[in-house]
Amino acid sequence: MPAFFSRRKLMAWGVALSACAPLMHTAHAQTPALDGPLALVVGYAPGGSTDRMARLIAERLAPKLGVKVTVENRPGEGGRLAAKEVKRTPAGQNALMLGNPAVMVVAPLVFKDAGYDPDKDFVPVSQVSSYDFALAVGTKLQLDRAMFLVGRLWAHPEEAVFGVPATGSLPHFFGLMVGDALSVQPQIKGYGGSAPLTADLIGGNLPIAIDTLDSVYPQHVAGKIRILAVSGKKRASFAPNIPTFREAGMKIDADGWNTFFAPSTMAPAKVQLLSSAIHDVMKDPGLQKAADALYITPVVSTAAETAQMLKTYRQQWEPVVRRSGFQP
């Protein structure tokens, strides 16, 4: 397997970009213009949360860089198609991929050849958002607290059937983390996306679901399902009444993210320029408010901070993915 996000490479980029931190934090309106148009490549169809986040950033990034910034959707292969395209960005063109853990952490572990090496082919630029996972139940269970569900699963471990939007997805592996925290062996039931998963939960055909918070929160607000806990270290700003797993008595926290990656062929100075511009854009109150409305938590991060986040993230998730034995 590729030694992606190797310690040596992350340290090198972290040192180089930390040295540029004063420039990156004071760039603001003085950010020099990029040398040509910029494409933000998204590996999913228009309308999804990743696509919408990319568009919020693009419309604010264009005037800051002084160039045209477009969002280009390249759906396919679970996001890997976009990664392979950005990897091959021709010299003289500017492209960033808005990637997530499924593409940059999980895929290289479960595919014999993902078509790219996250360590060799990409450079982290800036994390721009994070998202929680949610533990949800149907209303037929008549449970309103996670501790009640925990007690029930301890008494009836055969009921630990966790529906997830897809096998091999982050909610799948987070479900295994939840099982470990509860000392139960969950059965993971994969669906063809969040819509059929939520439909079965609402219809009473599935007792428990684990999905991203943004996918199930609208149904929780509508009273059709109940979210018992969220996976973040703190409560979501848009869902302050839902406790975290730790508050519910389970020693677990985890999240997903969206992060911009540049092809490794991009000049370090250009990576620094883009990281600085994105960092400043993410501080915009209007963008943060719009992200909240999409049930996404915006993140303001430097390239060095992003590199460290990726290292820590891999240390948490890689053992879980490997132990699962999952193969596509």
C-alpha atoms as a PDB file:
ATOM      1  CA  MET A   1       0.000   0.000   0.000  1.00  0.00           C
ATOM      2  CA  PRO A   2       1.225   3.527  -0.653  1.00  0.00           C
ATOM      3  CA  ALA A   3       2.706   5.359   2.300  1.00  0.00           C
ATOM      4  CA  PHE A   4       0.296   8.210   1.766  1.00  0.00           C
ATOM      5  CA  PHE A   5       0.719  11.443   3.725  1.00  0.00           C
ATOM      6  CA  SER A   6       4.145  10.188   4.832  1.00  0.00           C
ATOM      7  CA  ARG A   7       5.637  11.753   7.923  1.00  0.00           C
ATOM      8  CA  ARG A   8       8.628  13.136   6.017  1.00  0.00           C
ATOM      9  CA  LYS A   9       6.470  14.819   3.365  1.00  0.00           C
ATOM     10  CA  LEU A  10       3.983  16.252   5.844  1.00  0.00           C
ATOM     11  CA  MET A  11       6.788  17.634   8.002  1.00  0.00           C
ATOM     12  CA  ALA A  12       8.486  19.187   4.988  1.00  0.00           C
ATOM     13  CA  TRP A  13       5.332  20.895   3.810  1.00  0.00           C
ATOM     14  CA  GLY A  14       4.429  21.891   7.361  1.00  0.00           C
ATOM     15  CA  VAL A  15       7.797  23.578   7.957  1.00  0.00           C
ATOM     16  CA  ALA A  16       7.795  25.330   4.591  1.00  0.00           C
ATOM     17  CA  LEU A  17       4.259  26.594   4.917  1.00  0.00           C
ATOM     18  CA  SER A  18       4.629  27.574   8.577  1.00  0.00           C
ATOM     19  CA  ALA A  19       7.530  29.783   7.546  1.00  0.00           C
ATOM     20  CA  CYS A  20       5.156  31.514   5.156  1.00  0.00           C
ATOM     21  CA  ALA A  21       2.421  31.921   7.787  1.00  0.00           C
ATOM     22  CA  PRO A  22       2.947  35.664   8.350  1.00  0.00           C
ATOM     23  CA  LEU A  23       2.556  36.288   4.635  1.00  0.00           C
ATOM     24  CA  MET A  24      -0.430  33.942   4.423  1.00  0.00           C
ATOM     25  CA  HIS A  25      -2.287  35.646   7.255  1.00  0.00           C
ATOM     26  CA  THR A  26      -1.660  39.200   6.051  1.00  0.00           C
ATOM     27  CA  ALA A  27      -2.300  38.618   2.363  1.00  0.00           C
ATOM     28  CA  HIS A  28      -5.993  39.638   2.300  1.00  0.00           C
ATOM     29  CA  ALA A  29      -6.592  42.158  -0.492  1.00  0.00           C
ATOM     30  CA  GLN A  30      -2.894  42.160  -1.348  1.00  0.00           C
ATOM     31  CA  THR A  31      -3.013  38.559  -2.539  1.00  0.00           C
ATOM     32  CA  PRO A  32      -1.275  38.616  -5.934  1.00  0.00           C
ATOM     33  CA  ALA A  33      -3.277  37.512  -8.921  1.00  0.00           C
ATOM     34  CA  LEU A  34      -2.977  33.901 -10.002  1.00  0.00           C
ATOM     35  CA  ASP A  35      -1.354  33.336 -13.381  1.00  0.00           C
ATOM     36  CA  GLY A  36      -4.506  31.926 -14.969  1.00  0.00           C
ATOM     37  CA  PRO A  37      -8.013  30.523 -14.374  1.00  0.00           C
ATOM     38  CA  LEU A  38      -8.549  28.098 -11.499  1.00  0.00           C
ATOM     39  CA  ALA A  39     -10.714  24.968 -11.614  1.00  0.00           C
ATOM     40  CA  LEU A  40     -12.129  23.540  -8.393  1.00  0.00           C
ATOM     41  CA  VAL A  41     -12.803  19.906  -9.239  1.00  0.00           C
ATOM     42  CA  VAL A  42     -15.533  18.043  -7.350  1.00  0.00           C
ATOM     43  CA  GLY A  43     -15.902  14.289  -7.708  1.00  0.00           C
ATOM     44  CA  TYR A  44     -19.665  14.320  -7.287  1.00  0.00           C
ATOM     45  CA  ALA A  45     -22.736  15.557  -9.132  1.00  0.00           C
ATOM     46  CA  PRO A  46     -23.999  19.138  -8.747  1.00  0.00           C
ATOM     47  CA  GLY A  47     -26.266  19.829  -5.788  1.00  0.00           C
ATOM     48  CA  GLY A  48     -24.534  17.783  -3.108  1.00  0.00           C
ATOM     49  CA  SER A  49     -22.933  19.270  -0.018  1.00  0.00           C
ATOM     50  CA  THR A  50     -19.394  19.057  -1.451  1.00  0.00           C
ATOM     51  CA  ASP A  51     -20.482  20.785  -4.653  1.00  0.00           C
ATOM     52  CA  ARG A  52     -22.349  23.517  -2.803  1.00  0.00           C
ATOM     53  CA  MET A  53     -19.386  24.179  -0.535  1.00  0.00           C
ATOM     54  CA  ALA A  54     -17.095  24.451  -3.554  1.00  0.00           C
ATOM     55  CA  ARG A  55     -19.420  27.008  -5.148  1.00  0.00           C
ATOM     56  CA  LEU A  56     -19.616  29.128  -1.999  1.00  0.00           C
ATOM     57  CA  ILE A  57     -15.834  29.290  -2.001  1.00  0.00           C
ATOM     58  CA  ALA A  58     -15.441  29.817  -5.758  1.00  0.00           C
ATOM     59  CA  GLU A  59     -17.603  32.932  -5.874  1.00  0.00           C
ATOM     60  CA  ARG A  60     -15.505  34.561  -3.145  1.00  0.00           C
ATOM     61  CA  LEU A  61     -12.150  33.272  -4.350  1.00  0.00           C
ATOM     62  CA  ALA A  62     -12.424  34.699  -7.872  1.00  0.00           C
ATOM     63  CA  PRO A  63     -12.244  38.409  -6.940  1.00  0.00           C
ATOM     64  CA  LYS A  64      -9.527  37.698  -4.405  1.00  0.00           C
ATOM     65  CA  LEU A  65      -7.276  35.977  -6.940  1.00  0.00           C
ATOM     66  CA  GLY A  66      -8.250  38.198  -9.848  1.00  0.00           C
ATOM     67  CA  VAL A  67      -8.987  35.243 -12.142  1.00  0.00           C
ATOM     68  CA  LYS A  68     -11.960  33.163 -13.211  1.00  0.00           C
ATOM     69  CA  VAL A  69     -12.693  30.357 -10.740  1.00  0.00           C
ATOM     70  CA  THR A  70     -15.011  27.575 -11.883  1.00  0.00           C
ATOM     71  CA  VAL A  71     -16.415  24.469 -10.227  1.00  0.00           C
ATOM     72  CA  GLU A  72     -16.057  21.416 -12.447  1.00  0.00           C
ATOM     73  CA  ASN A  73     -18.022  18.301 -11.525  1.00  0.00           C
ATOM     74  CA  ARG A  74     -16.404  14.983 -12.375  1.00  0.00           C
ATOM     75  CA  PRO A  75     -18.632  12.345 -10.779  1.00  0.00           C
ATOM     76  CA  GLY A  76     -17.636   8.719 -11.004  1.00  0.00           C
ATOM     77  CA  GLU A  77     -15.864   5.929  -9.163  1.00  0.00           C
ATOM     78  CA  GLY A  78     -16.885   7.307  -5.784  1.00  0.00           C
ATOM     79  CA  GLY A  79     -14.852  10.471  -6.310  1.00  0.00           C
ATOM     80  CA  ARG A  80     -11.726   8.708  -7.556  1.00  0.00           C
ATOM     81  CA  LEU A  81     -12.295   9.856 -11.129  1.00  0.00           C
ATOM     82  CA  ALA A  82     -11.791  13.473 -10.058  1.00  0.00           C
ATOM     83  CA  ALA A  83      -8.617  12.564  -8.202  1.00  0.00           C
ATOM     84  CA  LYS A  84      -7.165  10.859 -11.249  1.00  0.00           C
ATOM     85  CA  GLU A  85      -8.014  13.860 -13.419  1.00  0.00           C
ATOM     86  CA  VAL A  86      -6.483  16.434 -11.074  1.00  0.00           C
ATOM     87  CA  LYS A  87      -3.401  14.250 -10.710  1.00  0.00           C
ATOM     88  CA  ARG A  88      -2.863  14.636 -14.472  1.00  0.00           C
ATOM     89  CA  THR A  89      -3.342  18.430 -14.570  1.00  0.00           C
ATOM     90  CA  PRO A  90      -1.156  19.717 -17.435  1.00  0.00           C
ATOM     91  CA  ALA A  91       1.643  22.139 -16.682  1.00  0.00           C
ATOM     92  CA  GLY A  92       0.434  25.719 -16.951  1.00  0.00           C
ATOM     93  CA  GLN A  93      -3.103  24.919 -15.778  1.00  0.00           C
ATOM     94  CA  ASN A  94      -4.446  25.501 -12.267  1.00  0.00           C
ATOM     95  CA  ALA A  95      -6.676  22.911 -10.614  1.00  0.00           C
ATOM     96  CA  LEU A  96      -7.533  21.894  -7.071  1.00  0.00           C
ATOM     97  CA  MET A  97      -9.606  18.923  -5.979  1.00  0.00           C
ATOM     98  CA  LEU A  98     -12.060  19.255  -3.109  1.00  0.00           C
ATOM     99  CA  GLY A  99     -11.457  15.823  -1.621  1.00  0.00           C
ATOM    100  CA  ASN A 100     -12.769  13.870   1.341  1.00  0.00           C
ATOM    101  CA  PRO A 101     -11.642  10.882   3.440  1.00  0.00           C
ATOM    102  CA  ALA A 102     -13.412   8.355   1.221  1.00  0.00           C
ATOM    103  CA  VAL A 103     -11.170   9.357  -1.681  1.00  0.00           C
ATOM    104  CA  MET A 104      -7.958  10.294   0.092  1.00  0.00           C
ATOM    105  CA  VAL A 105      -7.864   7.848   3.015  1.00  0.00           C
ATOM    106  CA  VAL A 106     -10.180   4.877   2.478  1.00  0.00           C
ATOM    107  CA  ALA A 107      -9.848   4.194  -1.266  1.00  0.00           C
ATOM    108  CA  PRO A 108      -6.055   3.722  -1.238  1.00  0.00           C
ATOM    109  CA  LEU A 109      -6.502   1.144   1.548  1.00  0.00           C
ATOM    110  CA  VAL A 110      -9.261  -0.966   0.007  1.00  0.00           C
ATOM    111  CA  PHE A 111      -8.389  -0.833  -3.709  1.00  0.00           C
ATOM    112  CA  LYS A 112      -5.332  -2.649  -5.008  1.00  0.00           C
ATOM    113  CA  ASP A 113      -4.846   0.290  -7.361  1.00  0.00           C
ATOM    114  CA  ALA A 114      -6.902   3.398  -6.680  1.00  0.00           C
ATOM    115  CA  GLY A 115      -5.322   5.095  -9.687  1.00  0.00           C
ATOM    116  CA  TYR A 116      -3.398   7.613  -7.612  1.00  0.00           C
ATOM    117  CA  ASP A 117      -1.168   7.847  -4.565  1.00  0.00           C
ATOM    118  CA  PRO A 118      -2.354  10.549  -2.133  1.00  0.00           C
ATOM    119  CA  ASP A 119       1.174  11.058  -0.863  1.00  0.00           C
ATOM    120  CA  LYS A 120       3.038  11.186  -4.157  1.00  0.00           C
ATOM    121  CA  ASP A 121       0.417  12.761  -6.402  1.00  0.00           C
ATOM    122  CA  PHE A 122      -1.107  15.458  -4.166  1.00  0.00           C
ATOM    123  CA  VAL A 123      -0.257  18.256  -1.767  1.00  0.00           C
ATOM    124  CA  PRO A 124      -2.732  19.379   0.943  1.00  0.00           C
ATOM    125  CA  VAL A 125      -3.746  23.017   0.511  1.00  0.00           C
ATOM    126  CA  SER A 126      -6.482  23.814   3.033  1.00  0.00           C
ATOM    127  CA  GLN A 127      -9.244  22.094   4.960  1.00  0.00           C
ATOM    128  CA  VAL A 128     -12.482  24.022   4.469  1.00  0.00           C
ATOM    129  CA  SER A 129     -15.165  22.065   6.304  1.00  0.00           C
ATOM    130  CA  SER A 130     -15.916  19.232   8.665  1.00  0.00           C
ATOM    131  CA  TYR A 131     -19.038  17.208   9.216  1.00  0.00           C
ATOM    132  CA  ASP A 132     -20.338  14.935  11.942  1.00  0.00           C
ATOM    133  CA  PHE A 133     -21.850  11.494  11.776  1.00  0.00           C
ATOM    134  CA  ALA A 134     -25.209  10.907  13.416  1.00  0.00           C
ATOM    135  CA  LEU A 135     -26.751   7.959  15.237  1.00  0.00           C
ATOM    136  CA  ALA A 136     -30.444   7.989  14.355  1.00  0.00           C
ATOM    137  CA  VAL A 137     -33.405   5.780  15.188  1.00  0.00           C
ATOM    138  CA  GLY A 138     -36.920   5.459  13.878  1.00  0.00           C
ATOM    139  CA  THR A 139     -39.768   6.807  15.967  1.00  0.00           C
ATOM    140  CA  LYS A 140     -41.164   3.290  16.456  1.00  0.00           C
ATOM    141  CA  LEU A 141     -38.305   2.508  18.845  1.00  0.00           C
ATOM    142  CA  GLN A 142     -39.630   5.206  21.182  1.00  0.00           C
ATOM    143  CA  LEU A 143     -36.125   6.076  22.347  1.00  0.00           C
ATOM    144  CA  ASP A 144     -35.099   9.652  22.937  1.00  0.00           C
ATOM    145  CA  ARG A 145     -31.691   9.183  24.545  1.00  0.00           C
ATOM    146  CA  ALA A 146     -28.595   7.342  23.399  1.00  0.00           C
ATOM    147  CA  MET A 147     -28.143   5.761  26.833  1.00  0.00           C
ATOM    148  CA  PHE A 148     -31.469   3.957  26.419  1.00  0.00           C
ATOM    149  CA  LEU A 149     -30.335   2.545  23.080  1.00  0.00           C
ATOM    150  CA  VAL A 150     -27.027   1.461  24.605  1.00  0.00           C
ATOM    151  CA  GLY A 151     -28.858  -0.414  27.366  1.00  0.00           C
ATOM    152  CA  ARG A 152     -31.098  -2.092  24.828  1.00  0.00           C
ATOM    153  CA  LEU A 153     -28.188  -3.227  22.647  1.00  0.00           C
ATOM    154  CA  TRP A 154     -26.304  -4.584  25.638  1.00  0.00           C
ATOM    155  CA  ALA A 155     -29.379  -6.618  26.575  1.00  0.00           C
ATOM    156  CA  HIS A 156     -30.145  -7.610  22.966  1.00  0.00           C
ATOM    157  CA  PRO A 157     -26.904  -7.477  20.927  1.00  0.00           C
ATOM    158  CA  GLU A 158     -28.663  -9.222  18.041  1.00  0.00           C
ATOM    159  CA  GLU A 159     -30.550  -5.964  17.470  1.00  0.00           C
ATOM    160  CA  ALA A 160     -27.321  -4.121  16.635  1.00  0.00           C
ATOM    161  CA  VAL A 161     -28.120  -3.733  12.948  1.00  0.00           C
ATOM    162  CA  PHE A 162     -26.766  -0.426  11.673  1.00  0.00           C
ATOM    163  CA  GLY A 163     -28.006   0.859   8.351  1.00  0.00           C
ATOM    164  CA  VAL A 164     -25.475   2.973   6.430  1.00  0.00           C
ATOM    165  CA  PRO A 165     -25.757   4.781   3.075  1.00  0.00           C
ATOM    166  CA  ALA A 166     -23.252   2.393   1.460  1.00  0.00           C
ATOM    167  CA  THR A 167     -20.846  -0.335   2.449  1.00  0.00           C
ATOM    168  CA  GLY A 168     -17.318   0.993   2.397  1.00  0.00           C
ATOM    169  CA  SER A 169     -18.525   4.498   3.248  1.00  0.00           C
ATOM    170  CA  LEU A 170     -17.307   6.527   6.213  1.00  0.00           C
ATOM    171  CA  PRO A 171     -20.581   5.891   8.101  1.00  0.00           C
ATOM    172  CA  HIS A 172     -19.879   2.154   7.631  1.00  0.00           C
ATOM    173  CA  PHE A 173     -16.507   2.412   9.341  1.00  0.00           C
ATOM    174  CA  PHE A 174     -17.831   4.804  11.961  1.00  0.00           C
ATOM    175  CA  GLY A 175     -20.510   2.213  12.712  1.00  0.00           C
ATOM    176  CA  LEU A 176     -17.710  -0.233  13.492  1.00  0.00           C
ATOM    177  CA  MET A 177     -16.194   2.359  15.834  1.00  0.00           C
ATOM    178  CA  VAL A 178     -19.552   2.637  17.596  1.00  0.00           C
ATOM    179  CA  GLY A 179     -19.701  -1.148  17.910  1.00  0.00           C
ATOM    180  CA  ASP A 180     -16.248  -1.158  19.503  1.00  0.00           C
ATOM    181  CA  ALA A 181     -17.278   1.586  21.926  1.00  0.00           C
ATOM    182  CA  LEU A 182     -20.369  -0.410  22.931  1.00  0.00           C
ATOM    183  CA  SER A 183     -18.576  -3.779  22.974  1.00  0.00           C
ATOM    184  CA  VAL A 184     -21.102  -5.196  20.508  1.00  0.00           C
ATOM    185  CA  GLN A 185     -20.582  -6.700  17.070  1.00  0.00           C
ATOM    186  CA  PRO A 186     -22.843  -4.702  14.748  1.00  0.00           C
ATOM    187  CA  GLN A 187     -24.262  -5.998  11.516  1.00  0.00           C
ATOM    188  CA  ILE A 188     -23.708  -3.342   8.855  1.00  0.00           C
ATOM    189  CA  LYS A 189     -26.531  -3.056   6.336  1.00  0.00           C
ATOM    190  CA  GLY A 190     -25.553  -1.041   3.279  1.00  0.00           C
ATOM    191  CA  TYR A 191     -28.034   0.938   1.193  1.00  0.00           C
ATOM    192  CA  GLY A 192     -27.832   2.640  -2.175  1.00  0.00           C
ATOM    193  CA  GLY A 193     -27.524   6.101  -0.665  1.00  0.00           C
ATOM    194  CA  SER A 194     -28.945   8.247   2.101  1.00  0.00           C
ATOM    195  CA  ALA A 195     -32.437   8.546   0.583  1.00  0.00           C
ATOM    196  CA  PRO A 196     -33.387   4.828   0.739  1.00  0.00           C
ATOM    197  CA  LEU A 197     -31.660   4.507   4.111  1.00  0.00           C
ATOM    198  CA  THR A 198     -33.720   7.315   5.599  1.00  0.00           C
ATOM    199  CA  ALA A 199     -36.900   6.004   3.959  1.00  0.00           C
ATOM    200  CA  ASP A 200     -36.454   2.618   5.645  1.00  0.00           C
ATOM    201  CA  LEU A 201     -35.751   4.313   8.967  1.00  0.00           C
ATOM    202  CA  ILE A 202     -38.901   6.423   8.692  1.00  0.00           C
ATOM    203  CA  GLY A 203     -40.952   3.434   7.551  1.00  0.00           C
ATOM    204  CA  GLY A 204     -39.910   1.280  10.481  1.00  0.00           C
ATOM    205  CA  ASN A 205     -38.040  -1.244   8.348  1.00  0.00           C
ATOM    206  CA  LEU A 206     -34.722  -0.302   9.944  1.00  0.00           C
ATOM    207  CA  PRO A 207     -34.249   0.435  13.647  1.00  0.00           C
ATOM    208  CA  ILE A 208     -30.887   2.214  13.623  1.00  0.00           C
ATOM    209  CA  ALA A 209     -29.022   4.278  11.035  1.00  0.00           C
ATOM    210  CA  ILE A 210     -25.635   5.937  10.907  1.00  0.00           C
ATOM    211  CA  ASP A 211     -25.143   8.653   8.313  1.00  0.00           C
ATOM    212  CA  THR A 212     -23.668  12.104   7.972  1.00  0.00           C
ATOM    213  CA  LEU A 213     -25.490  14.637  10.100  1.00  0.00           C
ATOM    214  CA  ASP A 214     -26.416  16.872   7.165  1.00  0.00           C
ATOM    215  CA  SER A 215     -28.132  13.924   5.439  1.00  0.00           C
ATOM    216  CA  VAL A 216     -30.516  13.054   8.280  1.00  0.00           C
ATOM    217  CA  TYR A 217     -30.917  16.307  10.179  1.00  0.00           C
ATOM    218  CA  PRO A 218     -33.844  17.649   8.091  1.00  0.00           C
ATOM    219  CA  GLN A 219     -35.882  14.517   8.896  1.00  0.00           C
ATOM    220  CA  HIS A 220     -34.986  14.905  12.567  1.00  0.00           C
ATOM    221  CA  VAL A 221     -36.251  18.496  12.515  1.00  0.00           C
ATOM    222  CA  ALA A 222     -39.444  17.273  10.839  1.00  0.00           C
ATOM    223  CA  GLY A 223     -39.974  14.759  13.663  1.00  0.00           C
ATOM    224  CA  LYS A 224     -39.807  11.734  11.363  1.00  0.00           C
ATOM    225  CA  ILE A 225     -36.685  10.256  12.994  1.00  0.00           C
ATOM    226  CA  ARG A 226     -34.654  10.935  16.126  1.00  0.00           C
ATOM    227  CA  ILE A 227     -30.943  11.690  16.174  1.00  0.00           C
ATOM    228  CA  LEU A 228     -29.607  10.475  19.511  1.00  0.00           C
ATOM    229  CA  ALA A 229     -25.973  11.561  19.229  1.00  0.00           C
ATOM    230  CA  VAL A 230     -23.493  13.279  16.942  1.00  0.00           C
ATOM    231  CA  SER A 231     -19.860  12.323  16.518  1.00  0.00           C
ATOM    232  CA  GLY A 232     -18.080  15.651  16.919  1.00  0.00           C
ATOM    233  CA  LYS A 233     -16.013  16.770  19.877  1.00  0.00           C
ATOM    234  CA  LYS A 234     -18.650  19.421  20.485  1.00  0.00           C
ATOM    235  CA  ARG A 235     -22.284  19.887  19.533  1.00  0.00           C
ATOM    236  CA  ALA A 236     -23.044  21.138  16.049  1.00  0.00           C
ATOM    237  CA  SER A 237     -23.786  24.863  15.985  1.00  0.00           C
ATOM    238  CA  PHE A 238     -26.976  24.293  13.996  1.00  0.00           C
ATOM    239  CA  ALA A 239     -28.101  21.391  16.230  1.00  0.00           C
ATOM    240  CA  PRO A 240     -27.250  22.516  19.777  1.00  0.00           C
ATOM    241  CA  ASN A 241     -29.821  20.245  21.428  1.00  0.00           C
ATOM    242  CA  ILE A 242     -28.279  16.996  20.166  1.00  0.00           C
ATOM    243  CA  PRO A 243     -25.562  15.614  22.478  1.00  0.00           C
ATOM    244  CA  THR A 244     -22.219  14.260  21.373  1.00  0.00           C
ATOM    245  CA  PHE A 245     -21.371  10.585  21.768  1.00  0.00           C
ATOM    246  CA  ARG A 246     -19.090  11.448  24.684  1.00  0.00           C
ATOM    247  CA  GLU A 247     -21.879  13.369  26.400  1.00  0.00           C
ATOM    248  CA  ALA A 248     -24.041  10.286  25.903  1.00  0.00           C
ATOM    249  CA  GLY A 249     -21.474   8.117  27.680  1.00  0.00           C
ATOM    250  CA  MET A 250     -19.592   6.665  24.708  1.00  0.00           C
ATOM    251  CA  LYS A 251     -15.879   7.427  24.444  1.00  0.00           C
ATOM    252  CA  ILE A 252     -15.821   8.139  20.763  1.00  0.00           C
ATOM    253  CA  ASP A 253     -15.528  11.144  18.482  1.00  0.00           C
ATOM    254  CA  ALA A 254     -14.839  11.324  14.766  1.00  0.00           C
ATOM    255  CA  ASP A 255     -15.707  13.442  11.779  1.00  0.00           C
ATOM    256  CA  GLY A 256     -15.378  13.801   8.051  1.00  0.00           C
ATOM    257  CA  TRP A 257     -13.937  16.708   6.119  1.00  0.00           C
ATOM    258  CA  ASN A 258     -13.587  18.478   2.815  1.00  0.00           C
ATOM    259  CA  THR A 259     -10.073  19.581   1.939  1.00  0.00           C
ATOM    260  CA  PHE A 260      -8.519  21.133  -1.132  1.00  0.00           C
ATOM    261  CA  PHE A 261      -5.609  19.228  -2.665  1.00  0.00           C
ATOM    262  CA  ALA A 262      -3.246  20.407  -5.388  1.00  0.00           C
ATOM    263  CA  PRO A 263      -1.422  18.119  -7.805  1.00  0.00           C
ATOM    264  CA  SER A 264       2.114  17.528  -6.540  1.00  0.00           C
ATOM    265  CA  THR A 265       3.440  19.132  -9.731  1.00  0.00           C
ATOM    266  CA  MET A 266       2.107  22.547  -8.650  1.00  0.00           C
ATOM    267  CA  ALA A 267       4.871  24.937  -7.612  1.00  0.00           C
ATOM    268  CA  PRO A 268       5.131  25.400  -3.822  1.00  0.00           C
ATOM    269  CA  ALA A 269       4.782  29.180  -4.168  1.00  0.00           C
ATOM    270  CA  LYS A 270       1.471  28.715  -5.965  1.00  0.00           C
ATOM    271  CA  VAL A 271       0.272  26.265  -3.311  1.00  0.00           C
ATOM    272  CA  GLN A 272       1.095  28.870  -0.672  1.00  0.00           C
ATOM    273  CA  LEU A 273      -0.763  31.549  -2.606  1.00  0.00           C
ATOM    274  CA  LEU A 274      -3.894  29.419  -2.922  1.00  0.00           C
ATOM    275  CA  SER A 275      -3.748  28.275   0.689  1.00  0.00           C
ATOM    276  CA  SER A 276      -3.530  31.880   1.850  1.00  0.00           C
ATOM    277  CA  ALA A 277      -6.440  32.986  -0.325  1.00  0.00           C
ATOM    278  CA  ILE A 278      -8.681  30.088   0.752  1.00  0.00           C
ATOM    279  CA  HIS A 279      -7.756  30.667   4.393  1.00  0.00           C
ATOM    280  CA  ASP A 280      -8.941  34.266   4.149  1.00  0.00           C
ATOM    281  CA  VAL A 281     -12.086  33.392   2.202  1.00  0.00           C
ATOM    282  CA  MET A 282     -13.126  30.885   4.877  1.00  0.00           C
ATOM    283  CA  LYS A 283     -13.150  33.664   7.488  1.00  0.00           C
ATOM    284  CA  ASP A 284     -15.903  35.491   5.587  1.00  0.00           C
ATOM    285  CA  PRO A 285     -19.001  35.723   7.865  1.00  0.00           C
ATOM    286  CA  GLY A 286     -21.330  35.423   4.879  1.00  0.00           C
ATOM    287  CA  LEU A 287     -19.738  32.160   3.808  1.00  0.00           C
ATOM    288  CA  GLN A 288     -19.853  30.781   7.338  1.00  0.00           C
ATOM    289  CA  LYS A 289     -23.536  31.625   7.639  1.00  0.00           C
ATOM    290  CA  ALA A 290     -24.274  30.005   4.266  1.00  0.00           C
ATOM    291  CA  ALA A 291     -22.353  26.867   5.264  1.00  0.00           C
ATOM    292  CA  ASP A 292     -24.339  26.621   8.497  1.00  0.00           C
ATOM    293  CA  ALA A 293     -27.536  26.735   6.438  1.00  0.00           C
ATOM    294  CA  LEU A 294     -26.268  23.676   4.546  1.00  0.00           C
ATOM    295  CA  TYR A 295     -25.583  21.894   7.869  1.00  0.00           C
ATOM    296  CA  ILE A 296     -21.841  22.060   7.165  1.00  0.00           C
ATOM    297  CA  THR A 297     -19.266  23.279   9.675  1.00  0.00           C
ATOM    298  CA  PRO A 298     -16.808  25.662   7.976  1.00  0.00           C
ATOM    299  CA  VAL A 299     -13.136  25.372   8.931  1.00  0.00           C
ATOM    300  CA  VAL A 300     -10.431  28.039   8.714  1.00  0.00           C
ATOM    301  CA  SER A 301      -7.112  26.240   8.327  1.00  0.00           C
ATOM    302  CA  THR A 302      -3.599  26.819   7.050  1.00  0.00           C
ATOM    303  CA  ALA A 303      -1.787  24.289   4.883  1.00  0.00           C
ATOM    304  CA  ALA A 304       0.436  23.291   7.802  1.00  0.00           C
ATOM    305  CA  GLU A 305      -2.588  22.747  10.065  1.00  0.00           C
ATOM    306  CA  THR A 306      -4.277  20.748   7.316  1.00  0.00           C
ATOM    307  CA  ALA A 307      -1.227  18.522   6.919  1.00  0.00           C
ATOM    308  CA  GLN A 308      -1.213  17.780  10.649  1.00  0.00           C
ATOM    309  CA  MET A 309      -4.956  17.089  10.618  1.00  0.00           C
ATOM    310  CA  LEU A 310      -4.501  14.556   7.820  1.00  0.00           C
ATOM    311  CA  LYS A 311      -1.755  12.761   9.719  1.00  0.00           C
ATOM    312  CA  THR A 312      -3.874  12.494  12.876  1.00  0.00           C
ATOM    313  CA  TYR A 313      -6.941  11.484  10.894  1.00  0.00           C
ATOM    314  CA  ARG A 314      -5.160   8.632   9.177  1.00  0.00           C
ATOM    315  CA  GLN A 315      -3.896   7.328  12.510  1.00  0.00           C
ATOM    316  CA  GLN A 316      -7.483   7.094  13.761  1.00  0.00           C
ATOM    317  CA  TRP A 317      -9.177   5.633  10.691  1.00  0.00           C
ATOM    318  CA  GLU A 318      -6.603   3.413   9.003  1.00  0.00           C
ATOM    319  CA  PRO A 319      -6.689   0.659  11.690  1.00  0.00           C
ATOM    320  CA  VAL A 320     -10.499   0.563  11.579  1.00  0.00           C
ATOM    321  CA  VAL A 321     -10.583   0.218   7.793  1.00  0.00           C
ATOM    322  CA  ARG A 322      -7.898  -2.471   7.792  1.00  0.00           C
ATOM    323  CA  ARG A 323      -9.541  -4.500  10.576  1.00  0.00           C
ATOM    324  CA  SER A 324     -12.854  -4.444   8.738  1.00  0.00           C
ATOM    325  CA  GLY A 325     -11.375  -6.466   5.893  1.00  0.00           C
ATOM    326  CA  PHE A 326     -13.636  -4.561   3.521  1.00  0.00           C
ATOM    327  CA  GLN A 327     -12.991  -5.064  -0.175  1.00  0.00           C
ATOM    328  CA  PRO A 328     -15.075  -3.324  -2.866  1.00  0.00           C
END
